[in-house]
C-alpha atoms as a PDB file:
ATOM      1  CA  MET A   1      13.713   6.147 -29.361  1.00  0.00           C
ATOM      2  CA  ALA A   2      17.760   5.642 -29.228  1.00  0.00           C
ATOM      3  CA  ILE A   3      19.409   4.950 -26.057  1.00  0.00           C
ATOM      4  CA  ASP A   4      21.182   8.391 -24.279  1.00  0.00           C
ATOM      5  CA  PHE A   5      24.441   6.783 -22.982  1.00  0.00           C
ATOM      6  CA  THR A   6      24.808  10.061 -20.861  1.00  0.00           C
ATOM      7  CA  MET A   7      21.772   9.867 -19.041  1.00  0.00           C
ATOM      8  CA  PRO A   8      22.113   9.021 -15.362  1.00  0.00           C
ATOM      9  CA  VAL A   9      21.638   5.760 -14.192  1.00  0.00           C
ATOM     10  CA  LEU A  10      21.038   4.282 -10.546  1.00  0.00           C
ATOM     11  CA  ILE A  11      21.947   1.024  -9.394  1.00  0.00           C
ATOM     12  CA  VAL A  12      20.551  -0.342  -6.457  1.00  0.00           C
ATOM     13  CA  ASP A  13      21.653  -3.413  -4.627  1.00  0.00           C
ATOM     14  CA  ASP A  14      22.863  -4.561  -1.497  1.00  0.00           C
ATOM     15  CA  TYR A  15      25.713  -6.359  -2.346  1.00  0.00           C
ATOM     16  CA  ASN A  16      28.698  -4.539  -3.631  1.00  0.00           C
ATOM     17  CA  THR A  17      29.953  -6.915  -5.836  1.00  0.00           C
ATOM     18  CA  MET A  18      26.585  -6.949  -7.825  1.00  0.00           C
ATOM     19  CA  LEU A  19      26.629  -3.428  -8.035  1.00  0.00           C
ATOM     20  CA  ARG A  20      30.403  -3.581  -9.436  1.00  0.00           C
ATOM     21  CA  ILE A  21      29.386  -6.191 -11.966  1.00  0.00           C
ATOM     22  CA  ILE A  22      26.044  -4.184 -13.014  1.00  0.00           C
ATOM     23  CA  ARG A  23      28.448  -1.189 -13.318  1.00  0.00           C
ATOM     24  CA  ASN A  24      30.810  -2.706 -15.434  1.00  0.00           C
ATOM     25  CA  LEU A  25      28.112  -3.974 -17.769  1.00  0.00           C
ATOM     26  CA  LEU A  26      26.715  -0.630 -18.122  1.00  0.00           C
ATOM     27  CA  LYS A  27      30.136   0.771 -18.947  1.00  0.00           C
ATOM     28  CA  GLN A  28      30.330  -2.103 -21.534  1.00  0.00           C
ATOM     29  CA  LEU A  29      27.449  -1.069 -23.009  1.00  0.00           C
ATOM     30  CA  GLY A  30      28.221   2.699 -22.977  1.00  0.00           C
ATOM     31  CA  PHE A  31      26.888   4.407 -20.011  1.00  0.00           C
ATOM     32  CA  VAL A  32      29.239   7.105 -18.678  1.00  0.00           C
ATOM     33  CA  ASP A  33      26.946   8.469 -15.751  1.00  0.00           C
ATOM     34  CA  ILE A  34      26.426   5.710 -13.365  1.00  0.00           C
ATOM     35  CA  HIS A  35      25.264   5.918  -9.658  1.00  0.00           C
ATOM     36  CA  ASP A  36      24.558   3.547  -7.014  1.00  0.00           C
ATOM     37  CA  ALA A  37      22.572   2.954  -3.508  1.00  0.00           C
ATOM     38  CA  SER A  38      22.798   0.309  -1.345  1.00  0.00           C
ATOM     39  CA  ASP A  39      19.293  -0.147  -0.516  1.00  0.00           C
ATOM     40  CA  GLY A  40      15.693   1.280  -1.621  1.00  0.00           C
ATOM     41  CA  SER A  41      15.519   3.913   1.067  1.00  0.00           C
ATOM     42  CA  VAL A  42      18.867   5.140   0.055  1.00  0.00           C
ATOM     43  CA  ALA A  43      17.689   5.043  -4.122  1.00  0.00           C
ATOM     44  CA  LEU A  44      14.542   7.037  -3.000  1.00  0.00           C
ATOM     45  CA  ALA A  45      16.473   9.748  -1.241  1.00  0.00           C
ATOM     46  CA  LYS A  46      19.071  10.216  -4.184  1.00  0.00           C
ATOM     47  CA  MET A  47      16.417  10.011  -6.583  1.00  0.00           C
ATOM     48  CA  ARG A  48      14.723  13.311  -4.605  1.00  0.00           C
ATOM     49  CA  GLU A  49      18.229  15.001  -5.284  1.00  0.00           C
ATOM     50  CA  ARG A  50      18.231  14.337  -9.050  1.00  0.00           C
ATOM     51  CA  LYS A  51      16.724  12.705 -12.017  1.00  0.00           C
ATOM     52  CA  PHE A  52      17.557   9.496 -13.205  1.00  0.00           C
ATOM     53  CA  GLY A  53      16.986   8.324 -16.576  1.00  0.00           C
ATOM     54  CA  LEU A  54      16.789   4.738 -15.528  1.00  0.00           C
ATOM     55  CA  VAL A  55      16.816   2.815 -12.345  1.00  0.00           C
ATOM     56  CA  ILE A  56      18.380  -0.677 -12.157  1.00  0.00           C
ATOM     57  CA  SER A  57      17.279  -2.520  -8.819  1.00  0.00           C
ATOM     58  CA  ASP A  58      17.646  -5.878  -7.057  1.00  0.00           C
ATOM     59  CA  TRP A  59      14.324  -7.092  -5.586  1.00  0.00           C
ATOM     60  CA  ASN A  60      15.609  -8.618  -2.251  1.00  0.00           C
ATOM     61  CA  MET A  61      17.359  -5.721   0.171  1.00  0.00           C
ATOM     62  CA  GLU A  62      16.813  -4.452   3.840  1.00  0.00           C
ATOM     63  CA  PRO A  63      15.636  -2.225   4.957  1.00  0.00           C
ATOM     64  CA  MET A  64      13.808  -1.396   1.714  1.00  0.00           C
ATOM     65  CA  THR A  65      13.295  -3.862  -0.981  1.00  0.00           C
ATOM     66  CA  GLY A  66      12.909  -3.283  -4.875  1.00  0.00           C
ATOM     67  CA  TYR A  67       9.470  -3.986  -4.938  1.00  0.00           C
ATOM     68  CA  ASP A  68       8.688  -1.469  -2.162  1.00  0.00           C
ATOM     69  CA  LEU A  69      11.132   1.034  -3.917  1.00  0.00           C
ATOM     70  CA  LEU A  70       9.309   0.589  -7.276  1.00  0.00           C
ATOM     71  CA  LYS A  71       5.741   1.169  -5.602  1.00  0.00           C
ATOM     72  CA  HIS A  72       7.169   4.053  -3.972  1.00  0.00           C
ATOM     73  CA  ILE A  73       8.411   5.631  -7.181  1.00  0.00           C
ATOM     74  CA  ARG A  74       5.346   4.864  -9.067  1.00  0.00           C
ATOM     75  CA  SER A  75       3.293   6.463  -6.425  1.00  0.00           C
ATOM     76  CA  ASP A  76       5.257   9.851  -6.566  1.00  0.00           C
ATOM     77  CA  PRO A  77       4.177  11.947  -9.473  1.00  0.00           C
ATOM     78  CA  ASP A  78       7.642  13.381  -9.678  1.00  0.00           C
ATOM     79  CA  LEU A  79       9.132   9.956 -10.099  1.00  0.00           C
ATOM     80  CA  SER A  80       6.599   7.759 -11.601  1.00  0.00           C
ATOM     81  CA  GLU A  81       7.661   8.155 -14.967  1.00  0.00           C
ATOM     82  CA  THR A  82      11.189   6.663 -14.516  1.00  0.00           C
ATOM     83  CA  PRO A  83      12.013   3.309 -16.371  1.00  0.00           C
ATOM     84  CA  PHE A  84      12.811   0.883 -13.680  1.00  0.00           C
ATOM     85  CA  ILE A  85      14.067  -2.843 -14.171  1.00  0.00           C
ATOM     86  CA  MET A  86      13.718  -5.029 -11.628  1.00  0.00           C
ATOM     87  CA  VAL A  87      16.686  -7.709 -11.219  1.00  0.00           C
ATOM     88  CA  THR A  88      16.285 -10.881  -8.903  1.00  0.00           C
ATOM     89  CA  ALA A  89      17.714 -14.266  -8.469  1.00  0.00           C
ATOM     90  CA  GLU A  90      14.326 -15.497  -8.170  1.00  0.00           C
ATOM     91  CA  SER A  91      12.060 -16.412 -11.390  1.00  0.00           C
ATOM     92  CA  LYS A  92       8.572 -17.066  -9.528  1.00  0.00           C
ATOM     93  CA  THR A  93       5.945 -16.312 -11.768  1.00  0.00           C
ATOM     94  CA  GLU A  94       4.251 -14.316  -8.700  1.00  0.00           C
ATOM     95  CA  ASN A  95       6.719 -12.255  -8.242  1.00  0.00           C
ATOM     96  CA  VAL A  96       6.912 -11.252 -12.052  1.00  0.00           C
ATOM     97  CA  ILE A  97       3.114 -10.583 -12.019  1.00  0.00           C
ATOM     98  CA  ALA A  98       3.490  -8.438  -8.593  1.00  0.00           C
ATOM     99  CA  ALA A  99       6.455  -6.424 -10.438  1.00  0.00           C
ATOM    100  CA  ARG A 100       4.339  -6.065 -13.621  1.00  0.00           C
ATOM    101  CA  LYS A 101       1.217  -4.514 -11.615  1.00  0.00           C
ATOM    102  CA  ALA A 102       3.423  -2.302  -9.642  1.00  0.00           C
ATOM    103  CA  GLY A 103       4.674  -1.024 -12.741  1.00  0.00           C
ATOM    104  CA  VAL A 104       8.187  -2.412 -13.422  1.00  0.00           C
ATOM    105  CA  SER A 105       9.253  -1.530 -16.823  1.00  0.00           C
ATOM    106  CA  ASN A 106      11.503  -4.747 -17.115  1.00  0.00           C
ATOM    107  CA  TYR A 107      12.658  -7.964 -15.483  1.00  0.00           C
ATOM    108  CA  ILE A 108      15.617  -9.487 -15.352  1.00  0.00           C
ATOM    109  CA  VAL A 109      16.575 -12.891 -13.623  1.00  0.00           C
ATOM    110  CA  LYS A 110      20.333 -13.548 -12.634  1.00  0.00           C
ATOM    111  CA  PRO A 111      22.925 -14.542 -13.988  1.00  0.00           C
ATOM    112  CA  PHE A 112      23.023 -12.421 -16.799  1.00  0.00           C
ATOM    113  CA  ASN A 113      25.470 -10.994 -19.535  1.00  0.00           C
ATOM    114  CA  ALA A 114      25.798  -7.603 -21.144  1.00  0.00           C
ATOM    115  CA  GLN A 115      23.740  -8.879 -24.191  1.00  0.00           C
ATOM    116  CA  THR A 116      20.902  -9.798 -21.696  1.00  0.00           C
ATOM    117  CA  LEU A 117      20.891  -6.162 -20.174  1.00  0.00           C
ATOM    118  CA  GLN A 118      21.492  -4.413 -23.458  1.00  0.00           C
ATOM    119  CA  SER A 119      18.194  -6.064 -24.523  1.00  0.00           C
ATOM    120  CA  LYS A 120      16.248  -5.160 -21.495  1.00  0.00           C
ATOM    121  CA  ILE A 121      17.284  -1.997 -21.340  1.00  0.00           C
ATOM    122  CA  GLU A 122      16.565  -1.090 -25.679  1.00  0.00           C
ATOM    123  CA  ALA A 123      13.035  -3.121 -24.801  1.00  0.00           C
ATOM    124  CA  VAL A 124      12.158   0.067 -21.840  1.00  0.00           C
ATOM    125  CA  PHE A 125      13.480   2.300 -24.437  1.00  0.00           C
ATOM    126  CA  LYS A 126      11.685   1.034 -27.776  1.00  0.00           C
ATOM    127  CA  ASP A 127       9.237   3.566 -29.062  1.00  0.00           C
ATOM    128  CA  PRO A 128       5.978   2.253 -28.823  1.00  0.00           C
ATOM    129  CA  ALA A 129       5.120   2.920 -32.653  1.00  0.00           C
ATOM    130  CA  GLU A 130       7.842   0.363 -33.566  1.00  0.00           C
ATOM    131  CA  THR A 131       6.127  -2.601 -31.706  1.00  0.00           C
ATOM    132  CA  ALA A 132       2.600  -1.528 -32.675  1.00  0.00           C
ATOM    133  CA  PRO A 133       0.791  -3.834 -34.920  1.00  0.00           C
ATOM    134  CA  PRO A 134       0.083  -2.344 -37.949  1.00  0.00           C
ATOM    135  CA  THR A 135      -3.334  -1.104 -38.249  1.00  0.00           C
ATOM    136  CA  ALA A 136      -6.106  -2.281 -40.876  1.00  0.00           C
ATOM    137  CA  GLN A 137      -6.808  -0.218 -43.632  1.00  0.00           C
ATOM    138  CA  ALA A 138     -10.429   0.173 -45.162  1.00  0.00           C
ATOM    139  CA  PRO A 139     -10.642  -1.500 -48.364  1.00  0.00           C
ATOM    140  CA  ALA A 140     -10.634   0.520 -51.302  1.00  0.00           C
ATOM    141  CA  ALA A 141     -14.172   1.843 -52.448  1.00  0.00           C
END
């Protein structure tokens, strides 16, 4: 599946500098419809107002963390299929496992560049058939 660079993308981070960096990286990659939110609760409100094609969220924020936002999204039938990339400065194995269990689509550890962001987004939107192992064929009789 090709990436739709016109889909609305929501960036969630409590640091304006990080919002600006991710917005600029997304623009470099070709995305044009980029929105932002300062924490998980603001993001959730925006997501209930319009459909986003991708959410890129920081983990550590107040009052609602990216992890809590992810759990809210995955438990809401209207939002549960939204692709979600978690961004964090911590590469703790337990955090990665917790995010996977909560249904994260992909995970990025800061700092990262445009190529890393692009590869993570491409992995999220890759057609599962492209990565499926070849099926075994029965021997000819």
